């Protein structure tokens, strides 16, 4: 009898949470796609700096990172205004991401 109630509870919880699970996956999917790129960039600092300078390196990295985050938004708006195309900021963002990939390639070349 106890096994029946456990099975019924499992079915009930599974059925009622399916909608919530779908919404959670739908909300988390873009983060899973956007989230991984900073990982490799963050892994570059410990490889490039000695341990005693790592804290300063992370401080400079995050300062430049957030400065660029603040500056690229108005620039994207300016690109939108100049181009007159609503898709222009997306193309600008793609160009900035491509520049990041090129910067990583240059870093790898200089590192070796």
C-alpha atoms as a PDB file:
ATOM      1  CA  UNK A   1       0.000   0.000   0.000  1.00  0.00           C
ATOM      2  CA  UNK A   2       2.831   2.395   0.835  1.00  0.00           C
ATOM      3  CA  UNK A   3       4.432   1.757  -2.548  1.00  0.00           C
ATOM      4  CA  UNK A   4       1.191   2.766  -4.251  1.00  0.00           C
ATOM      5  CA  UNK A   5       1.152   6.101  -2.448  1.00  0.00           C
ATOM      6  CA  UNK A   6       4.782   6.720  -3.296  1.00  0.00           C
ATOM      7  CA  UNK A   7       4.129   5.930  -6.954  1.00  0.00           C
ATOM      8  CA  UNK A   8       1.038   8.156  -6.952  1.00  0.00           C
ATOM      9  CA  UNK A   9       3.022  10.989  -5.335  1.00  0.00           C
ATOM     10  CA  UNK A  10       5.772  10.634  -7.927  1.00  0.00           C
ATOM     11  CA  UNK A  11       3.255  10.744 -10.775  1.00  0.00           C
ATOM     12  CA  UNK A  12       1.499  13.732  -9.208  1.00  0.00           C
ATOM     13  CA  UNK A  13       4.714  15.700  -8.676  1.00  0.00           C
ATOM     14  CA  UNK A  14       5.971  14.805 -12.145  1.00  0.00           C
ATOM     15  CA  UNK A  15       2.727  15.833 -13.838  1.00  0.00           C
ATOM     16  CA  UNK A  16       2.276  19.068 -11.941  1.00  0.00           C
ATOM     17  CA  UNK A  17       5.873  20.140 -12.310  1.00  0.00           C
ATOM     18  CA  UNK A  18       6.131  19.493 -16.054  1.00  0.00           C
ATOM     19  CA  UNK A  19       4.948  23.005 -16.893  1.00  0.00           C
ATOM     20  CA  UNK A  20       7.325  24.545 -14.394  1.00  0.00           C
ATOM     21  CA  UNK A  21      10.194  22.395 -15.667  1.00  0.00           C
ATOM     22  CA  UNK A  22       9.549  23.452 -19.249  1.00  0.00           C
ATOM     23  CA  UNK A  23       9.523  27.106 -18.234  1.00  0.00           C
ATOM     24  CA  UNK A  24      12.717  26.658 -16.243  1.00  0.00           C
ATOM     25  CA  UNK A  25      14.470  24.979 -19.174  1.00  0.00           C
ATOM     26  CA  UNK A  26      13.163  27.625 -21.577  1.00  0.00           C
ATOM     27  CA  UNK A  27      14.484  30.367 -19.290  1.00  0.00           C
ATOM     28  CA  UNK A  28      17.830  28.661 -18.686  1.00  0.00           C
ATOM     29  CA  UNK A  29      18.549  27.646 -22.296  1.00  0.00           C
ATOM     30  CA  UNK A  30      19.726  31.095 -23.444  1.00  0.00           C
ATOM     31  CA  UNK A  31      21.944  31.346 -20.378  1.00  0.00           C
ATOM     32  CA  UNK A  32      23.495  27.985 -21.204  1.00  0.00           C
ATOM     33  CA  UNK A  33      24.273  29.242 -24.687  1.00  0.00           C
ATOM     34  CA  UNK A  34      25.520  32.687 -23.626  1.00  0.00           C
ATOM     35  CA  UNK A  35      27.194  31.612 -20.405  1.00  0.00           C
ATOM     36  CA  UNK A  36      30.065  29.375 -21.571  1.00  0.00           C
ATOM     37  CA  UNK A  37      32.122  31.923 -23.578  1.00  0.00           C
ATOM     38  CA  UNK A  38      33.416  33.824 -20.510  1.00  0.00           C
ATOM     39  CA  UNK A  39      34.876  30.591 -19.103  1.00  0.00           C
ATOM     40  CA  UNK A  40      37.738  30.239 -21.585  1.00  0.00           C
ATOM     41  CA  UNK A  41      38.484  33.958 -21.363  1.00  0.00           C
ATOM     42  CA  UNK A  42      38.679  33.749 -17.564  1.00  0.00           C
ATOM     43  CA  UNK A  43      40.958  30.718 -17.863  1.00  0.00           C
ATOM     44  CA  UNK A  44      43.498  32.787 -19.805  1.00  0.00           C
ATOM     45  CA  UNK A  45      44.510  34.978 -16.864  1.00  0.00           C
ATOM     46  CA  UNK A  46      45.988  32.229 -14.666  1.00  0.00           C
ATOM     47  CA  UNK A  47      47.945  30.983 -17.683  1.00  0.00           C
ATOM     48  CA  UNK A  48      49.280  34.423 -18.554  1.00  0.00           C
ATOM     49  CA  UNK A  49      50.078  35.844 -15.105  1.00  0.00           C
ATOM     50  CA  UNK A  50      52.200  34.627 -12.228  1.00  0.00           C
ATOM     51  CA  UNK A  51      50.180  33.709  -9.108  1.00  0.00           C
ATOM     52  CA  UNK A  52      51.347  36.752  -7.135  1.00  0.00           C
ATOM     53  CA  UNK A  53      49.916  39.107  -9.779  1.00  0.00           C
ATOM     54  CA  UNK A  54      46.703  37.237 -10.448  1.00  0.00           C
ATOM     55  CA  UNK A  55      44.547  39.386  -8.150  1.00  0.00           C
ATOM     56  CA  UNK A  56      45.683  42.564  -9.864  1.00  0.00           C
ATOM     57  CA  UNK A  57      45.156  40.914 -13.245  1.00  0.00           C
ATOM     58  CA  UNK A  58      41.577  39.999 -12.405  1.00  0.00           C
ATOM     59  CA  UNK A  59      40.962  43.537 -11.111  1.00  0.00           C
ATOM     60  CA  UNK A  60      42.200  45.065 -14.354  1.00  0.00           C
ATOM     61  CA  UNK A  61      40.296  42.481 -16.406  1.00  0.00           C
ATOM     62  CA  UNK A  62      36.987  43.196 -14.696  1.00  0.00           C
ATOM     63  CA  UNK A  63      37.542  46.952 -14.854  1.00  0.00           C
ATOM     64  CA  UNK A  64      38.099  46.816 -18.604  1.00  0.00           C
ATOM     65  CA  UNK A  65      35.295  44.268 -19.033  1.00  0.00           C
ATOM     66  CA  UNK A  66      32.659  46.419 -17.331  1.00  0.00           C
ATOM     67  CA  UNK A  67      33.965  49.586 -18.961  1.00  0.00           C
ATOM     68  CA  UNK A  68      33.543  47.949 -22.361  1.00  0.00           C
ATOM     69  CA  UNK A  69      30.094  46.703 -21.347  1.00  0.00           C
ATOM     70  CA  UNK A  70      29.144  50.292 -20.510  1.00  0.00           C
ATOM     71  CA  UNK A  71      30.643  51.765 -23.679  1.00  0.00           C
ATOM     72  CA  UNK A  72      29.391  49.288 -26.268  1.00  0.00           C
ATOM     73  CA  UNK A  73      25.734  49.887 -25.443  1.00  0.00           C
ATOM     74  CA  UNK A  74      25.711  53.561 -26.454  1.00  0.00           C
ATOM     75  CA  UNK A  75      27.874  52.725 -29.459  1.00  0.00           C
ATOM     76  CA  UNK A  76      25.294  50.121 -30.524  1.00  0.00           C
ATOM     77  CA  UNK A  77      22.621  52.802 -30.202  1.00  0.00           C
ATOM     78  CA  UNK A  78      24.718  55.164 -32.292  1.00  0.00           C
ATOM     79  CA  UNK A  79      25.160  52.457 -34.925  1.00  0.00           C
ATOM     80  CA  UNK A  80      21.372  51.988 -34.913  1.00  0.00           C
ATOM     81  CA  UNK A  81      20.788  55.709 -35.343  1.00  0.00           C
ATOM     82  CA  UNK A  82      23.354  56.099 -38.112  1.00  0.00           C
ATOM     83  CA  UNK A  83      22.305  52.985 -40.038  1.00  0.00           C
ATOM     84  CA  UNK A  84      18.577  53.502 -39.567  1.00  0.00           C
ATOM     85  CA  UNK A  85      18.172  49.744 -39.357  1.00  0.00           C
ATOM     86  CA  UNK A  86      16.800  48.007 -36.253  1.00  0.00           C
ATOM     87  CA  UNK A  87      19.117  45.040 -36.911  1.00  0.00           C
ATOM     88  CA  UNK A  88      22.265  47.190 -36.853  1.00  0.00           C
ATOM     89  CA  UNK A  89      22.962  46.727 -33.107  1.00  0.00           C
ATOM     90  CA  UNK A  90      22.767  42.956 -33.549  1.00  0.00           C
ATOM     91  CA  UNK A  91      25.260  43.103 -36.403  1.00  0.00           C
ATOM     92  CA  UNK A  92      27.451  45.363 -34.245  1.00  0.00           C
ATOM     93  CA  UNK A  93      27.265  42.849 -31.380  1.00  0.00           C
ATOM     94  CA  UNK A  94      28.241  40.065 -33.776  1.00  0.00           C
ATOM     95  CA  UNK A  95      31.229  42.134 -34.919  1.00  0.00           C
ATOM     96  CA  UNK A  96      32.292  42.711 -31.306  1.00  0.00           C
ATOM     97  CA  UNK A  97      32.024  38.972 -30.615  1.00  0.00           C
ATOM     98  CA  UNK A  98      34.069  38.241 -33.730  1.00  0.00           C
ATOM     99  CA  UNK A  99      36.674  40.709 -32.494  1.00  0.00           C
ATOM    100  CA  UNK A 100      36.793  38.729 -29.248  1.00  0.00           C
ATOM    101  CA  UNK A 101      37.510  35.548 -31.170  1.00  0.00           C
ATOM    102  CA  UNK A 102      40.243  37.338 -33.113  1.00  0.00           C
ATOM    103  CA  UNK A 103      41.677  38.674 -29.858  1.00  0.00           C
ATOM    104  CA  UNK A 104      41.762  35.150 -28.448  1.00  0.00           C
ATOM    105  CA  UNK A 105      43.583  33.943 -31.562  1.00  0.00           C
ATOM    106  CA  UNK A 106      46.144  36.738 -31.206  1.00  0.00           C
ATOM    107  CA  UNK A 107      46.603  35.884 -27.535  1.00  0.00           C
ATOM    108  CA  UNK A 108      47.187  32.221 -28.361  1.00  0.00           C
ATOM    109  CA  UNK A 109      49.704  33.191 -31.045  1.00  0.00           C
ATOM    110  CA  UNK A 110      51.633  35.510 -28.734  1.00  0.00           C
ATOM    111  CA  UNK A 111      51.479  33.012 -25.863  1.00  0.00           C
ATOM    112  CA  UNK A 112      53.239  30.231 -27.788  1.00  0.00           C
END
